[in-house]
Amino acid sequence: MSGGKSIVVVCFSGLLLIALLANPAQGALNGPPPPTVSAKLAADPVTFTGYCPVTITFKGTIMVGGPCTIQYKFVRSDGGIKPVQTINFFAAGSKAVADTWTLGKSYSGWEALEVISPVHLKSGQANFSITCTPKPVITSVGHEHYGYPTGEFTVVGTNFGTTQGSKNVRVDGALVTHYATGWHDTYNTFGLPVPYTPWEHVYEFCIVDGSLVISNVFSQRFLYHYEKVIPGEGPVGTEVSLTVFNLPASPGGLVLKIGIYTMTVTSWTGGGYGKIKAKVPPGVPLGEHDVYLQKGSDVVSNKNKFKVVLPTIKIPMEDIKRKF
């Protein structure tokens, strides 16, 4: 019997020991309750109307009631989810967080701040709305001389706006100061605000609103231009004259062509109303041929016609008198 009591006591004592050991271990597993956590988020700007793309900035705050490590992420109305980020708090307090979202079209949506550890919660939705104003698009640039060297330039495109406001055309960094017929939604005509150089220079055109470039940048160079060939016809060997606007002081690789033939230049004068004199070379067939400037393999001017005709045969008066 004594052996039986002893076993009962030992078992009882073992049970007590197990119970005593179990309670502290259970407390260690549960740990202290997590500190209180809250989060808020706001969009800046809340509404936007203007040229896109535009970047919305989301400014948020995470607040905790005690030391902890916070894991959080940003979620969006389009289903987008940003990577999880971590902030360590060594005491109760708050820390700022931020995110951005860039959009290129009209859109209404929201972004929220989601805490995923040590508790799970989500801020209220930071709502925003974007209305995009169509940006101007330059599709071409035209140029007409109208009988004087610089002539007028016309940018053609869409969404320039029916009123100019603070918008302007910029050419190589210089703003246009005068529009020939006012401001139009699909075109604008003006004098070039920078010195004009045909072919050798590539001009860059864009539309700005204040200091902001709001259109594409359209690059183009322009042909040398002359009005006509004087005279307009004659036999091989005829000397012709061309008044070429903004002609450089020396050829610099420019050659004057008639059809596929190179003309023999007899005089070259540069300037706004520059002038070239040249002779029709031997071998050019009878008929009309284009006269133009060429540099390398490029045709660098407009073209006008010259007609090669048979030479006029003059019969001496003495011969005519003998016949009669």
Protein backbone atom coordinates (compact mmCIF):
# COMPACT_ATOMS: atom_id res chain seq x y z
CA MET A 1 0.00 0.00 0.00
CA SER A 2 2.81 2.33 0.82
CA GLY A 3 4.15 1.81 -2.71
CA GLY A 4 0.77 2.81 -4.13
CA LYS A 5 0.59 6.13 -2.19
CA SER A 6 4.04 7.01 -3.18
CA ILE A 7 3.12 6.68 -6.87
CA VAL A 8 0.04 8.81 -6.38
CA VAL A 9 2.04 11.58 -4.73
CA VAL A 10 4.71 11.46 -7.35
CA CYS A 11 2.16 11.63 -10.12
CA PHE A 12 0.39 14.45 -8.34
CA SER A 13 3.64 16.27 -7.84
CA GLY A 14 4.50 15.69 -11.49
CA LEU A 15 1.17 17.12 -12.55
CA LEU A 16 1.75 20.20 -10.41
CA LEU A 17 5.20 20.62 -11.87
CA ILE A 18 3.89 20.26 -15.38
CA ALA A 19 1.15 22.82 -14.67
CA LEU A 20 3.63 25.28 -13.18
CA LEU A 21 5.99 24.94 -16.08
CA ALA A 22 3.23 25.14 -18.65
CA ASN A 23 1.75 28.50 -17.57
CA PRO A 24 4.92 30.63 -18.01
CA ALA A 25 5.64 28.99 -21.36
CA GLN A 26 2.13 29.79 -22.59
CA GLY A 27 2.55 33.41 -21.55
CA ALA A 28 5.84 33.63 -23.47
CA LEU A 29 4.21 32.29 -26.63
CA ASN A 30 1.35 34.80 -26.51
CA GLY A 31 3.59 37.74 -25.62
CA PRO A 32 2.33 41.20 -24.78
CA PRO A 33 -0.51 42.57 -26.92
CA PRO A 34 0.61 44.59 -29.98
CA PRO A 35 0.57 48.36 -29.64
CA THR A 36 -2.27 50.36 -31.14
CA VAL A 37 -1.71 51.26 -34.81
CA SER A 38 -3.54 53.69 -37.10
CA ALA A 39 -2.90 55.08 -40.59
CA LYS A 40 -4.14 57.89 -42.80
CA LEU A 41 -3.46 58.98 -46.39
CA ALA A 42 -4.32 62.01 -48.56
CA ALA A 43 -3.91 62.81 -52.28
CA ASP A 44 -2.19 65.95 -53.55
CA PRO A 45 -3.76 67.36 -55.65
CA VAL A 46 -7.23 65.97 -55.04
CA THR A 47 -8.45 67.33 -58.40
CA PHE A 48 -6.40 68.27 -61.46
CA THR A 49 -7.28 69.81 -64.82
CA GLY A 50 -4.45 70.46 -67.27
CA TYR A 51 -1.80 68.87 -69.44
CA CYS A 52 -0.93 65.26 -68.74
CA PRO A 53 0.95 63.21 -67.69
CA VAL A 54 0.50 64.41 -64.13
CA THR A 55 1.90 62.95 -60.91
CA ILE A 56 -0.37 62.61 -57.88
CA THR A 57 1.52 62.53 -54.57
CA PHE A 58 0.04 60.56 -51.67
CA LYS A 59 1.14 61.72 -48.23
CA GLY A 60 0.42 59.45 -45.29
CA THR A 61 1.10 58.97 -41.59
CA ILE A 62 1.43 55.78 -39.55
CA MET A 63 0.88 56.19 -35.78
CA VAL A 64 1.73 53.60 -33.11
CA GLY A 65 1.19 53.39 -29.36
CA GLY A 66 4.52 51.73 -28.58
CA PRO A 67 7.69 50.21 -30.02
CA CYS A 68 7.12 47.85 -32.93
CA THR A 69 8.07 47.05 -36.53
CA ILE A 70 5.45 48.02 -39.08
CA GLN A 71 5.11 46.42 -42.50
CA TYR A 72 2.88 48.26 -44.96
CA LYS A 73 2.09 48.71 -48.65
CA PHE A 74 0.14 51.03 -50.94
CA VAL A 75 -2.85 49.69 -52.89
CA ARG A 76 -4.63 51.41 -55.78
CA SER A 77 -8.03 51.52 -57.42
CA ASP A 78 -6.65 50.06 -60.66
CA GLY A 79 -5.55 46.90 -58.81
CA GLY A 80 -1.93 47.97 -58.52
CA ILE A 81 -0.05 47.01 -55.37
CA LYS A 82 3.31 48.47 -54.37
CA PRO A 83 6.04 46.37 -52.68
CA VAL A 84 5.86 45.83 -48.92
CA GLN A 85 7.93 48.35 -46.93
CA THR A 86 9.13 48.34 -43.33
CA ILE A 87 9.39 51.03 -40.63
CA ASN A 88 10.87 50.50 -37.16
CA PHE A 89 9.34 52.40 -34.23
CA PHE A 90 11.44 52.47 -31.08
CA ALA A 91 8.76 54.26 -29.10
CA ALA A 92 5.20 55.47 -29.46
CA GLY A 93 4.80 58.13 -32.13
CA SER A 94 4.15 58.73 -35.83
CA LYS A 95 6.12 58.63 -39.06
CA ALA A 96 5.39 60.02 -42.51
CA VAL A 97 5.14 57.79 -45.60
CA ALA A 98 4.55 58.76 -49.22
CA ASP A 99 3.87 57.38 -52.68
CA THR A 100 3.34 58.77 -56.20
CA TRP A 101 1.17 57.77 -59.15
CA THR A 102 1.74 59.22 -62.62
CA LEU A 103 -1.14 59.15 -65.09
CA GLY A 104 -1.33 60.22 -68.73
CA LYS A 105 -5.10 60.24 -69.20
CA SER A 106 -8.26 61.46 -67.49
CA TYR A 107 -9.02 59.24 -64.50
CA SER A 108 -10.82 59.17 -61.15
CA GLY A 109 -9.56 56.74 -58.52
CA TRP A 110 -8.00 56.26 -55.12
CA GLU A 111 -5.00 54.94 -53.26
CA ALA A 112 -4.91 53.54 -49.72
CA LEU A 113 -2.29 52.68 -47.13
CA GLU A 114 -2.50 49.09 -45.87
CA VAL A 115 -0.69 47.94 -42.71
CA ILE A 116 -0.11 44.18 -42.79
CA SER A 117 1.97 43.61 -39.61
CA PRO A 118 1.89 43.41 -36.62
CA VAL A 119 -1.83 44.10 -37.13
CA HIS A 120 -3.86 44.34 -40.30
CA LEU A 121 -5.68 47.56 -41.09
CA LYS A 122 -6.23 49.97 -43.98
CA SER A 123 -6.45 53.74 -44.10
CA GLY A 124 -9.37 55.48 -45.71
CA GLN A 125 -9.21 55.85 -49.49
CA ALA A 126 -7.36 58.94 -50.74
CA ASN A 127 -9.62 59.87 -53.67
CA PHE A 128 -8.50 62.00 -56.62
CA SER A 129 -9.76 63.05 -60.06
CA ILE A 130 -7.78 64.01 -63.19
CA THR A 131 -9.12 65.76 -66.30
CA CYS A 132 -6.45 65.90 -69.00
CA THR A 133 -6.31 68.80 -71.46
CA PRO A 134 -5.24 67.52 -74.92
CA LYS A 135 -1.66 68.51 -75.69
CA PRO A 136 -0.82 70.34 -78.92
CA VAL A 137 0.71 68.18 -81.66
CA ILE A 138 2.78 69.72 -84.48
CA THR A 139 2.43 67.63 -87.64
CA SER A 140 4.27 69.80 -90.19
CA VAL A 141 5.94 73.15 -90.75
CA GLY A 142 5.44 75.03 -94.01
CA HIS A 143 7.49 77.87 -95.46
CA GLU A 144 6.61 80.49 -98.06
CA HIS A 145 9.02 83.21 -99.22
CA TYR A 146 6.48 85.60 -100.80
CA GLY A 147 9.34 87.34 -102.64
CA TYR A 148 11.54 88.18 -99.67
CA PRO A 149 14.36 86.23 -98.03
CA THR A 150 13.00 85.03 -94.68
CA GLY A 151 9.37 84.62 -95.69
CA GLU A 152 6.71 83.23 -93.36
CA PHE A 153 6.56 79.94 -91.51
CA THR A 154 3.41 78.03 -90.58
CA VAL A 155 3.20 75.32 -87.92
CA VAL A 156 0.32 72.94 -88.62
CA GLY A 157 -1.22 70.49 -86.18
CA THR A 158 -3.98 70.00 -83.61
CA ASN A 159 -5.03 71.20 -80.15
CA PHE A 160 -3.18 74.52 -80.29
CA GLY A 161 -6.22 76.11 -78.66
CA THR A 162 -8.65 78.67 -80.05
CA THR A 163 -7.09 81.41 -77.90
CA GLN A 164 -3.40 81.96 -77.30
CA GLY A 165 -3.44 82.78 -73.59
CA SER A 166 0.04 82.10 -72.20
CA LYS A 167 0.92 79.75 -75.08
CA ASN A 168 3.53 80.51 -77.71
CA VAL A 169 5.52 78.92 -80.51
CA ARG A 170 9.22 78.53 -79.73
CA VAL A 171 11.85 78.16 -82.45
CA ASP A 172 15.35 77.10 -81.38
CA GLY A 173 14.64 78.47 -77.91
CA ALA A 174 13.34 81.87 -79.12
CA LEU A 175 9.69 82.87 -78.75
CA VAL A 176 7.67 84.08 -81.72
CA THR A 177 6.69 87.72 -81.21
CA HIS A 178 4.13 88.25 -83.96
CA TYR A 179 1.52 86.04 -85.65
CA ALA A 180 0.49 87.10 -89.13
CA THR A 181 -3.19 86.14 -88.78
CA GLY A 182 -3.56 85.65 -85.02
CA TRP A 183 -3.64 82.38 -83.09
CA HIS A 184 -5.50 79.34 -84.46
CA ASP A 185 -6.28 75.87 -83.15
CA THR A 186 -4.77 73.99 -86.12
CA TYR A 187 -2.15 76.39 -87.50
CA ASN A 188 -0.14 79.52 -86.73
CA THR A 189 1.78 81.69 -89.21
CA PHE A 190 4.70 83.88 -88.17
CA GLY A 191 8.06 85.37 -89.02
CA LEU A 192 11.05 83.38 -87.80
CA PRO A 193 12.39 84.84 -84.50
CA VAL A 194 15.95 83.68 -85.22
CA PRO A 195 18.27 84.18 -88.23
CA TYR A 196 17.24 82.10 -91.22
CA THR A 197 19.72 79.64 -92.71
CA PRO A 198 18.47 77.31 -95.47
CA TRP A 199 19.41 73.64 -95.45
CA GLU A 200 22.59 73.89 -93.36
CA HIS A 201 20.62 74.30 -90.11
CA VAL A 202 17.94 72.08 -88.54
CA TYR A 203 15.28 74.15 -86.77
CA GLU A 204 13.31 72.89 -83.77
CA PHE A 205 9.69 74.01 -83.33
CA CYS A 206 7.53 73.44 -80.25
CA ILE A 207 4.62 75.01 -78.40
CA VAL A 208 5.10 76.21 -74.84
CA ASP A 209 2.78 77.36 -72.11
CA GLY A 210 4.85 79.79 -70.13
CA SER A 211 8.13 77.94 -69.66
CA LEU A 212 6.57 74.47 -70.04
CA VAL A 213 6.95 72.61 -73.34
CA ILE A 214 3.48 71.19 -74.03
CA SER A 215 3.87 69.79 -77.56
CA ASN A 216 6.19 67.49 -79.41
CA VAL A 217 9.42 69.00 -80.76
CA PHE A 218 9.25 69.11 -84.56
CA SER A 219 12.61 69.28 -86.36
CA GLN A 220 13.02 70.44 -89.94
CA ARG A 221 15.43 72.12 -92.32
CA PHE A 222 14.38 74.13 -95.34
CA LEU A 223 15.38 74.38 -98.99
CA TYR A 224 17.19 77.26 -100.63
CA HIS A 225 14.67 79.16 -102.69
CA TYR A 226 14.77 81.18 -105.90
CA GLU A 227 11.92 82.61 -107.93
CA LYS A 228 12.87 81.84 -111.55
CA VAL A 229 15.63 81.26 -114.09
CA ILE A 230 16.44 84.32 -116.22
CA PRO A 231 16.21 83.87 -119.16
CA GLY A 232 13.84 80.92 -119.19
CA GLU A 233 15.18 79.41 -122.40
CA GLY A 234 18.17 79.45 -124.70
CA PRO A 235 20.75 77.26 -126.43
CA VAL A 236 23.67 75.45 -124.85
CA GLY A 237 26.14 78.05 -123.57
CA THR A 238 23.45 80.50 -122.45
CA GLU A 239 24.33 82.34 -119.24
CA VAL A 240 21.44 82.32 -116.78
CA SER A 241 20.88 84.23 -113.55
CA LEU A 242 19.15 83.07 -110.35
CA THR A 243 18.33 85.25 -107.33
CA VAL A 244 18.67 82.82 -104.41
CA PHE A 245 17.42 83.93 -100.99
CA ASN A 246 19.93 83.65 -98.11
CA LEU A 247 22.68 82.34 -100.35
CA PRO A 248 25.98 81.71 -98.51
CA ALA A 249 29.01 83.81 -99.44
CA SER A 250 30.71 80.85 -101.12
CA PRO A 251 29.42 77.58 -102.60
CA GLY A 252 30.82 75.35 -99.85
CA GLY A 253 29.93 72.21 -101.75
CA LEU A 254 26.80 73.57 -103.43
CA VAL A 255 26.55 72.98 -107.18
CA LEU A 256 24.00 74.24 -109.67
CA LYS A 257 22.41 71.52 -111.80
CA ILE A 258 20.34 71.49 -114.96
CA GLY A 259 18.77 68.07 -115.15
CA ILE A 260 21.65 65.67 -114.45
CA TYR A 261 24.27 68.11 -115.74
CA THR A 262 26.39 70.48 -113.66
CA MET A 263 26.27 74.09 -114.79
CA THR A 264 29.39 76.21 -115.05
CA VAL A 265 29.18 78.96 -112.41
CA THR A 266 30.52 82.31 -113.63
CA SER A 267 29.50 84.45 -110.65
CA TRP A 268 28.44 83.79 -107.04
CA THR A 269 27.25 86.55 -104.69
CA GLY A 270 25.97 85.67 -101.21
CA GLY A 271 23.34 87.46 -99.14
CA GLY A 272 19.61 87.73 -98.53
CA TYR A 273 19.08 88.31 -102.22
CA GLY A 274 22.11 86.30 -103.34
CA LYS A 275 22.78 85.75 -107.01
CA ILE A 276 24.25 82.95 -109.09
CA LYS A 277 25.23 83.29 -112.72
CA ALA A 278 26.04 80.12 -114.65
CA LYS A 279 26.21 78.74 -118.19
CA VAL A 280 24.31 75.81 -119.66
CA PRO A 281 27.02 73.20 -120.32
CA PRO A 282 27.52 71.32 -123.60
CA GLY A 283 25.64 68.05 -124.00
CA VAL A 284 22.36 69.09 -122.42
CA PRO A 285 19.56 67.76 -124.68
CA LEU A 286 16.93 70.00 -126.21
CA GLY A 287 13.80 70.48 -124.13
CA GLU A 288 12.85 71.56 -120.60
CA HIS A 289 15.07 70.70 -117.64
CA ASP A 290 14.89 71.38 -113.90
CA VAL A 291 17.43 73.85 -112.53
CA TYR A 292 18.29 73.39 -108.85
CA LEU A 293 21.01 73.43 -106.21
CA GLN A 294 22.52 70.17 -105.02
CA LYS A 295 24.89 69.31 -102.19
CA GLY A 296 26.33 65.83 -102.20
CA SER A 297 23.41 63.61 -103.18
CA ASP A 298 20.78 65.98 -101.73
CA VAL A 299 18.62 68.36 -103.73
CA VAL A 300 18.71 71.45 -101.52
CA SER A 301 16.59 74.00 -103.39
CA ASN A 302 13.30 74.32 -105.19
CA LYS A 303 13.25 73.72 -108.95
CA ASN A 304 12.32 75.85 -111.95
CA LYS A 305 12.42 75.02 -115.66
CA PHE A 306 14.88 76.10 -118.32
CA LYS A 307 14.23 75.16 -121.92
CA VAL A 308 17.20 74.28 -124.11
CA VAL A 309 16.54 75.30 -127.72
CA LEU A 310 18.47 75.29 -130.95
CA PRO A 311 20.73 78.28 -131.45
CA THR A 312 19.43 81.03 -133.72
CA ILE A 313 21.29 81.08 -137.05
CA LYS A 314 21.97 84.58 -138.22
CA ILE A 315 22.38 85.03 -141.97
CA PRO A 316 24.59 88.00 -142.89
CA MET A 317 22.71 90.80 -144.72
CA GLU A 318 25.18 90.55 -147.60
CA ASP A 319 24.06 86.97 -148.28
CA ILE A 320 20.43 88.02 -148.20
CA LYS A 321 21.07 90.86 -150.65
CA ARG A 322 22.89 88.53 -153.05
CA LYS A 323 19.83 86.26 -153.23
CA PHE A 324 17.72 89.15 -154.32
